[in-house]
Amino acid sequence: MSGNVIGARNQADLRLSALKRLTGQTGSHETRLDSSAALRVLYELASSPSTASSALALLHELQVHQVELDLQDEELRTSRAELEAALMRQVQLYDFAPVGFFTVDRSTVLRELNLTAAGLLGFERDQLLGRTLDSFLAPQSARALHTMLTRLSEDVPTEVGTLQLGGGRSVNASVNRDPDGLNFLVAFINVAGQAGNLTD
C-alpha cells in the first residue's frame, strides 16, 4: 500500500473524527471527504448561539494544530538537510582520508574502497570493485592477510601487521570485522618514507 493511500485514509479518518465531534454524527463517506462540507458544518455551528462557543474553540484548536504541523514540517525539512550535509561530509572524509580503506569479503573480494585505497593499488576505484585484495599483495603477505581474516573469525577484535604490496612497498595493515557480520574492514597506511601508487 502506498504512502499516498495511507495518507488519504488517515485524512479521511481525521475528518470523520472532526465531524463527529462537531455534530455528534458520523456522517457519510462523501461528507467526510468533502472539506467544504466540513467548513459548512463549522460555519453553521458558529452561527448558532447555543454552539458558537464550542465551534470557535474547535476552530482555534484546528488552527493551533495546523501551525504545529507546519512547524513540524519545517523541522523535518531542516533535519533532513542537516542529515544530508552530514552524510556528504562523512563521504568526503572517507574518500579523502590519508588511509586506504577497504571492505572485503572472506575471499578478499573488494566490495568498497576509498579513493586513497584505489591510489595505493594504482587503479581507478571502479576498476577494482570485484577484484581480490590479496592479488595485489606479495604471495607471503597474501597468505598473511588470509590468516588475519581467519583469526578475526575466532573473535579476535583486531589484527594488525605489515604487508607487502606486489610492487615491493610495505603498508601497515589493520583488519576488523565489519559490523554487518559478513565482511571485513581493512586499512592500509603507507610505511613512513614511502609514497606514490603501485605504478610509480
C-alpha atoms as a PDB file:
ATOM      1  CA  MET A   1       0.000   0.000   0.000  1.00  0.00           C
ATOM      2  CA  SER A   2       1.466   3.361  -0.976  1.00  0.00           C
ATOM      3  CA  GLY A   3       2.067   6.291   1.358  1.00  0.00           C
ATOM      4  CA  ASN A   4      -0.496   8.334  -0.585  1.00  0.00           C
ATOM      5  CA  VAL A   5      -3.234   5.797   0.089  1.00  0.00           C
ATOM      6  CA  ILE A   6      -2.327   5.659   3.775  1.00  0.00           C
ATOM      7  CA  GLY A   7      -2.242   9.450   3.931  1.00  0.00           C
ATOM      8  CA  ALA A   8      -5.676   9.727   2.301  1.00  0.00           C
ATOM      9  CA  ARG A   9      -7.106   7.163   4.714  1.00  0.00           C
ATOM     10  CA  ASN A  10      -5.687   8.997   7.743  1.00  0.00           C
ATOM     11  CA  GLN A  11      -7.035  12.291   6.417  1.00  0.00           C
ATOM     12  CA  ALA A  12     -10.468  10.740   5.941  1.00  0.00           C
ATOM     13  CA  ASP A  13     -10.365   9.349   9.493  1.00  0.00           C
ATOM     14  CA  LEU A  14      -9.385  12.755  10.862  1.00  0.00           C
ATOM     15  CA  ARG A  15     -12.264  14.406   9.017  1.00  0.00           C
ATOM     16  CA  LEU A  16     -14.673  11.783  10.309  1.00  0.00           C
ATOM     17  CA  SER A  17     -13.493  12.360  13.874  1.00  0.00           C
ATOM     18  CA  ALA A  18     -13.782  16.134  13.482  1.00  0.00           C
ATOM     19  CA  LEU A  19     -17.263  15.869  12.009  1.00  0.00           C
ATOM     20  CA  LYS A  20     -18.356  13.547  14.811  1.00  0.00           C
ATOM     21  CA  ARG A  21     -17.001  15.964  17.393  1.00  0.00           C
ATOM     22  CA  LEU A  22     -18.726  18.903  15.741  1.00  0.00           C
ATOM     23  CA  THR A  23     -22.131  17.352  15.123  1.00  0.00           C
ATOM     24  CA  GLY A  24     -22.247  14.176  17.188  1.00  0.00           C
ATOM     25  CA  GLN A  25     -22.887  12.229  13.961  1.00  0.00           C
ATOM     26  CA  THR A  26     -20.565  10.033  11.979  1.00  0.00           C
ATOM     27  CA  GLY A  27     -21.713  11.365   8.593  1.00  0.00           C
ATOM     28  CA  SER A  28     -21.395   9.680   5.231  1.00  0.00           C
ATOM     29  CA  HIS A  29     -18.255   8.809   3.345  1.00  0.00           C
ATOM     30  CA  GLU A  30     -18.975  11.602   0.883  1.00  0.00           C
ATOM     31  CA  THR A  31     -19.317  14.156   3.678  1.00  0.00           C
ATOM     32  CA  ARG A  32     -16.043  13.033   5.218  1.00  0.00           C
ATOM     33  CA  LEU A  33     -14.127  13.529   2.015  1.00  0.00           C
ATOM     34  CA  ASP A  34     -15.639  16.964   1.245  1.00  0.00           C
ATOM     35  CA  SER A  35     -13.683  19.639   3.101  1.00  0.00           C
ATOM     36  CA  SER A  36     -16.132  22.341   2.047  1.00  0.00           C
ATOM     37  CA  ALA A  37     -18.903  20.353   3.769  1.00  0.00           C
ATOM     38  CA  ALA A  38     -16.852  20.329   6.978  1.00  0.00           C
ATOM     39  CA  LEU A  39     -16.423  24.098   6.733  1.00  0.00           C
ATOM     40  CA  ARG A  40     -20.177  24.488   6.213  1.00  0.00           C
ATOM     41  CA  VAL A  41     -20.859  22.433   9.350  1.00  0.00           C
ATOM     42  CA  LEU A  42     -18.400  24.556  11.319  1.00  0.00           C
ATOM     43  CA  TYR A  43     -19.983  27.740   9.962  1.00  0.00           C
ATOM     44  CA  GLU A  44     -23.481  26.535  10.887  1.00  0.00           C
ATOM     45  CA  LEU A  45     -22.352  25.655  14.400  1.00  0.00           C
ATOM     46  CA  ALA A  46     -20.639  29.030  14.759  1.00  0.00           C
ATOM     47  CA  SER A  47     -23.819  30.767  13.588  1.00  0.00           C
ATOM     48  CA  SER A  48     -25.946  29.182  16.301  1.00  0.00           C
ATOM     49  CA  PRO A  49     -25.782  30.895  19.722  1.00  0.00           C
ATOM     50  CA  SER A  50     -26.008  27.555  21.522  1.00  0.00           C
ATOM     51  CA  THR A  51     -22.991  26.007  19.738  1.00  0.00           C
ATOM     52  CA  ALA A  52     -20.984  29.074  18.692  1.00  0.00           C
ATOM     53  CA  SER A  53     -18.526  28.967  21.586  1.00  0.00           C
ATOM     54  CA  SER A  54     -17.784  25.268  21.044  1.00  0.00           C
ATOM     55  CA  ALA A  55     -17.346  25.809  17.313  1.00  0.00           C
ATOM     56  CA  LEU A  56     -14.973  28.732  17.858  1.00  0.00           C
ATOM     57  CA  ALA A  57     -12.973  26.734  20.425  1.00  0.00           C
ATOM     58  CA  LEU A  58     -12.689  23.856  17.977  1.00  0.00           C
ATOM     59  CA  LEU A  59     -11.683  26.216  15.180  1.00  0.00           C
ATOM     60  CA  HIS A  60      -8.946  27.628  17.412  1.00  0.00           C
ATOM     61  CA  GLU A  61      -7.718  24.092  18.197  1.00  0.00           C
ATOM     62  CA  LEU A  62      -7.612  23.297  14.496  1.00  0.00           C
ATOM     63  CA  GLN A  63      -5.647  26.454  13.758  1.00  0.00           C
ATOM     64  CA  VAL A  64      -3.156  25.690  16.522  1.00  0.00           C
ATOM     65  CA  HIS A  65      -2.852  22.129  15.218  1.00  0.00           C
ATOM     66  CA  GLN A  66      -2.197  23.423  11.696  1.00  0.00           C
ATOM     67  CA  VAL A  67       0.577  25.691  12.982  1.00  0.00           C
ATOM     68  CA  GLU A  68       2.060  22.742  14.898  1.00  0.00           C
ATOM     69  CA  LEU A  69       2.031  20.651  11.721  1.00  0.00           C
ATOM     70  CA  ASP A  70       3.687  23.465   9.771  1.00  0.00           C
ATOM     71  CA  LEU A  71       6.406  23.764  12.432  1.00  0.00           C
ATOM     72  CA  GLN A  72       6.954  20.004  12.464  1.00  0.00           C
ATOM     73  CA  ASP A  73       7.223  20.009   8.678  1.00  0.00           C
ATOM     74  CA  GLU A  74       9.784  22.804   8.830  1.00  0.00           C
ATOM     75  CA  GLU A  75      11.783  20.945  11.493  1.00  0.00           C
ATOM     76  CA  LEU A  76      11.717  17.749   9.434  1.00  0.00           C
ATOM     77  CA  ARG A  77      12.951  19.591   6.357  1.00  0.00           C
ATOM     78  CA  THR A  78      15.744  21.213   8.375  1.00  0.00           C
ATOM     79  CA  SER A  79      16.701  17.860   9.939  1.00  0.00           C
ATOM     80  CA  ARG A  80      16.769  16.194   6.534  1.00  0.00           C
ATOM     81  CA  ALA A  81      19.015  18.938   5.111  1.00  0.00           C
ATOM     82  CA  GLU A  82      21.355  18.607   8.113  1.00  0.00           C
ATOM     83  CA  LEU A  83      21.494  14.815   7.764  1.00  0.00           C
ATOM     84  CA  GLU A  84      22.220  15.050   4.046  1.00  0.00           C
ATOM     85  CA  ALA A  85      25.012  17.554   4.726  1.00  0.00           C
ATOM     86  CA  ALA A  86      26.446  15.301   7.467  1.00  0.00           C
ATOM     87  CA  LEU A  87      26.323  12.293   5.144  1.00  0.00           C
ATOM     88  CA  MET A  88      28.110  14.223   2.401  1.00  0.00           C
ATOM     89  CA  ARG A  89      30.737  15.296   4.931  1.00  0.00           C
ATOM     90  CA  GLN A  90      31.301  11.684   6.042  1.00  0.00           C
ATOM     91  CA  VAL A  91      31.591  10.514   2.428  1.00  0.00           C
ATOM     92  CA  GLN A  92      34.228  13.182   1.784  1.00  0.00           C
ATOM     93  CA  LEU A  93      36.110  12.268   4.958  1.00  0.00           C
ATOM     94  CA  TYR A  94      36.048   8.595   3.932  1.00  0.00           C
ATOM     95  CA  ASP A  95      37.131   9.171   0.351  1.00  0.00           C
ATOM     96  CA  PHE A  96      39.923  11.640   1.065  1.00  0.00           C
ATOM     97  CA  ALA A  97      41.291  10.178   4.311  1.00  0.00           C
ATOM     98  CA  PRO A  98      45.073   9.618   4.234  1.00  0.00           C
ATOM     99  CA  VAL A  99      44.425   5.933   4.952  1.00  0.00           C
ATOM    100  CA  GLY A 100      43.380   3.350   2.371  1.00  0.00           C
ATOM    101  CA  PHE A 101      40.070   1.810   3.485  1.00  0.00           C
ATOM    102  CA  PHE A 102      38.784  -1.454   2.003  1.00  0.00           C
ATOM    103  CA  THR A 103      35.700  -3.556   2.660  1.00  0.00           C
ATOM    104  CA  VAL A 104      36.341  -7.160   1.633  1.00  0.00           C
ATOM    105  CA  ASP A 105      34.595 -10.488   1.991  1.00  0.00           C
ATOM    106  CA  ARG A 106      36.189 -13.664   3.340  1.00  0.00           C
ATOM    107  CA  SER A 107      37.873 -14.265  -0.042  1.00  0.00           C
ATOM    108  CA  THR A 108      39.229 -10.665  -0.015  1.00  0.00           C
ATOM    109  CA  VAL A 109      36.937  -9.608  -2.880  1.00  0.00           C
ATOM    110  CA  LEU A 110      36.767  -5.811  -2.842  1.00  0.00           C
ATOM    111  CA  ARG A 111      33.234  -4.618  -2.040  1.00  0.00           C
ATOM    112  CA  GLU A 112      34.033  -0.998  -1.209  1.00  0.00           C
ATOM    113  CA  LEU A 113      37.142   1.172  -1.067  1.00  0.00           C
ATOM    114  CA  ASN A 114      38.009   4.823  -0.771  1.00  0.00           C
ATOM    115  CA  LEU A 115      39.992   6.930  -3.245  1.00  0.00           C
ATOM    116  CA  THR A 116      43.191   6.619  -1.205  1.00  0.00           C
ATOM    117  CA  ALA A 117      42.918   2.823  -1.325  1.00  0.00           C
ATOM    118  CA  ALA A 118      42.448   2.917  -5.098  1.00  0.00           C
ATOM    119  CA  GLY A 119      45.553   5.118  -5.349  1.00  0.00           C
ATOM    120  CA  LEU A 120      47.579   2.664  -3.280  1.00  0.00           C
ATOM    121  CA  LEU A 121      46.661  -0.115  -5.715  1.00  0.00           C
ATOM    122  CA  GLY A 122      47.277   2.088  -8.749  1.00  0.00           C
ATOM    123  CA  PHE A 123      43.851   1.834 -10.409  1.00  0.00           C
ATOM    124  CA  GLU A 124      40.577   3.720 -10.654  1.00  0.00           C
ATOM    125  CA  ARG A 125      38.113   2.671  -7.967  1.00  0.00           C
ATOM    126  CA  ASP A 126      35.564   1.293 -10.453  1.00  0.00           C
ATOM    127  CA  GLN A 127      38.226  -0.964 -11.967  1.00  0.00           C
ATOM    128  CA  LEU A 128      38.951  -2.540  -8.579  1.00  0.00           C
ATOM    129  CA  LEU A 129      35.485  -3.498  -7.345  1.00  0.00           C
ATOM    130  CA  GLY A 130      35.044  -7.261  -7.604  1.00  0.00           C
ATOM    131  CA  ARG A 131      38.773  -7.978  -7.711  1.00  0.00           C
ATOM    132  CA  THR A 132      40.583  -9.571  -4.769  1.00  0.00           C
ATOM    133  CA  LEU A 133      42.796  -7.559  -2.451  1.00  0.00           C
ATOM    134  CA  ASP A 134      45.189 -10.465  -1.988  1.00  0.00           C
ATOM    135  CA  SER A 135      46.008 -10.362  -5.717  1.00  0.00           C
ATOM    136  CA  PHE A 136      47.755  -7.003  -5.117  1.00  0.00           C
ATOM    137  CA  LEU A 137      49.966  -8.422  -2.346  1.00  0.00           C
ATOM    138  CA  ALA A 138      53.199 -10.340  -2.424  1.00  0.00           C
ATOM    139  CA  PRO A 139      52.444 -14.080  -2.010  1.00  0.00           C
ATOM    140  CA  GLN A 140      53.616 -14.269   1.614  1.00  0.00           C
ATOM    141  CA  SER A 141      51.574 -11.161   2.502  1.00  0.00           C
ATOM    142  CA  ALA A 142      48.509 -12.562   0.721  1.00  0.00           C
ATOM    143  CA  ARG A 143      48.727 -15.630   2.968  1.00  0.00           C
ATOM    144  CA  ALA A 144      49.219 -13.370   5.995  1.00  0.00           C
ATOM    145  CA  LEU A 145      46.081 -11.399   5.109  1.00  0.00           C
ATOM    146  CA  HIS A 146      44.016 -14.604   4.932  1.00  0.00           C
ATOM    147  CA  THR A 147      45.430 -15.662   8.314  1.00  0.00           C
ATOM    148  CA  MET A 148      44.388 -12.315   9.782  1.00  0.00           C
ATOM    149  CA  LEU A 149      40.837 -12.742   8.446  1.00  0.00           C
ATOM    150  CA  THR A 150      40.654 -16.279   9.832  1.00  0.00           C
ATOM    151  CA  ARG A 151      41.789 -15.182  13.273  1.00  0.00           C
ATOM    152  CA  LEU A 152      39.136 -12.474  13.307  1.00  0.00           C
ATOM    153  CA  SER A 153      36.582 -15.202  12.740  1.00  0.00           C
ATOM    154  CA  GLU A 154      37.692 -16.626  16.090  1.00  0.00           C
ATOM    155  CA  ASP A 155      36.531 -13.436  17.838  1.00  0.00           C
ATOM    156  CA  VAL A 156      39.883 -11.659  17.909  1.00  0.00           C
ATOM    157  CA  PRO A 157      38.732  -7.996  17.721  1.00  0.00           C
ATOM    158  CA  THR A 158      41.569  -6.554  15.604  1.00  0.00           C
ATOM    159  CA  GLU A 159      44.527  -7.908  13.648  1.00  0.00           C
ATOM    160  CA  VAL A 160      47.466  -5.685  12.753  1.00  0.00           C
ATOM    161  CA  GLY A 161      50.626  -6.306  10.791  1.00  0.00           C
ATOM    162  CA  THR A 162      52.866  -5.188   7.968  1.00  0.00           C
ATOM    163  CA  LEU A 163      52.071  -6.404   4.451  1.00  0.00           C
ATOM    164  CA  GLN A 164      53.945  -6.002   1.214  1.00  0.00           C
ATOM    165  CA  LEU A 165      52.260  -4.855  -1.963  1.00  0.00           C
ATOM    166  CA  GLY A 166      53.176  -6.533  -5.229  1.00  0.00           C
ATOM    167  CA  GLY A 167      55.422  -3.631  -6.203  1.00  0.00           C
ATOM    168  CA  GLY A 168      57.585  -4.098  -3.107  1.00  0.00           C
ATOM    169  CA  ARG A 169      56.072  -1.311  -0.999  1.00  0.00           C
ATOM    170  CA  SER A 170      55.175  -2.074   2.612  1.00  0.00           C
ATOM    171  CA  VAL A 171      51.944  -0.983   4.312  1.00  0.00           C
ATOM    172  CA  ASN A 172      50.828  -1.179   7.905  1.00  0.00           C
ATOM    173  CA  ALA A 173      47.537  -3.082   7.904  1.00  0.00           C
ATOM    174  CA  SER A 174      44.694  -3.176  10.401  1.00  0.00           C
ATOM    175  CA  VAL A 175      41.807  -5.625   9.962  1.00  0.00           C
ATOM    176  CA  ASN A 176      38.464  -5.660  11.788  1.00  0.00           C
ATOM    177  CA  ARG A 177      35.142  -7.337  11.302  1.00  0.00           C
ATOM    178  CA  ASP A 178      32.520  -5.245   9.518  1.00  0.00           C
ATOM    179  CA  PRO A 179      29.501  -4.542  11.777  1.00  0.00           C
ATOM    180  CA  ASP A 180      27.360  -6.227   9.092  1.00  0.00           C
ATOM    181  CA  GLY A 181      28.892  -9.535  10.238  1.00  0.00           C
ATOM    182  CA  LEU A 182      29.606 -10.661   6.668  1.00  0.00           C
ATOM    183  CA  ASN A 183      32.604  -8.624   5.575  1.00  0.00           C
ATOM    184  CA  PHE A 184      35.881  -7.253   6.900  1.00  0.00           C
ATOM    185  CA  LEU A 185      37.265  -3.735   7.176  1.00  0.00           C
ATOM    186  CA  VAL A 186      40.895  -3.364   6.143  1.00  0.00           C
ATOM    187  CA  ALA A 187      43.013  -0.223   6.496  1.00  0.00           C
ATOM    188  CA  PHE A 188      46.366   0.281   4.771  1.00  0.00           C
ATOM    189  CA  ILE A 189      48.799   3.016   5.798  1.00  0.00           C
ATOM    190  CA  ASN A 190      51.954   3.658   3.813  1.00  0.00           C
ATOM    191  CA  VAL A 191      55.055   2.846   5.829  1.00  0.00           C
ATOM    192  CA  ALA A 192      56.938   6.081   6.602  1.00  0.00           C
ATOM    193  CA  GLY A 193      59.167   7.284   3.829  1.00  0.00           C
ATOM    194  CA  GLN A 194      57.174   5.571   1.058  1.00  0.00           C
ATOM    195  CA  ALA A 195      54.826   7.448  -1.223  1.00  0.00           C
ATOM    196  CA  GLY A 196      53.138   7.162  -4.581  1.00  0.00           C
ATOM    197  CA  ASN A 197      50.987   4.413  -6.035  1.00  0.00           C
ATOM    198  CA  LEU A 198      51.761   0.940  -7.208  1.00  0.00           C
ATOM    199  CA  THR A 199      52.597   2.077 -10.710  1.00  0.00           C
ATOM    200  CA  ASP A 200      55.287   4.592  -9.627  1.00  0.00           C
END
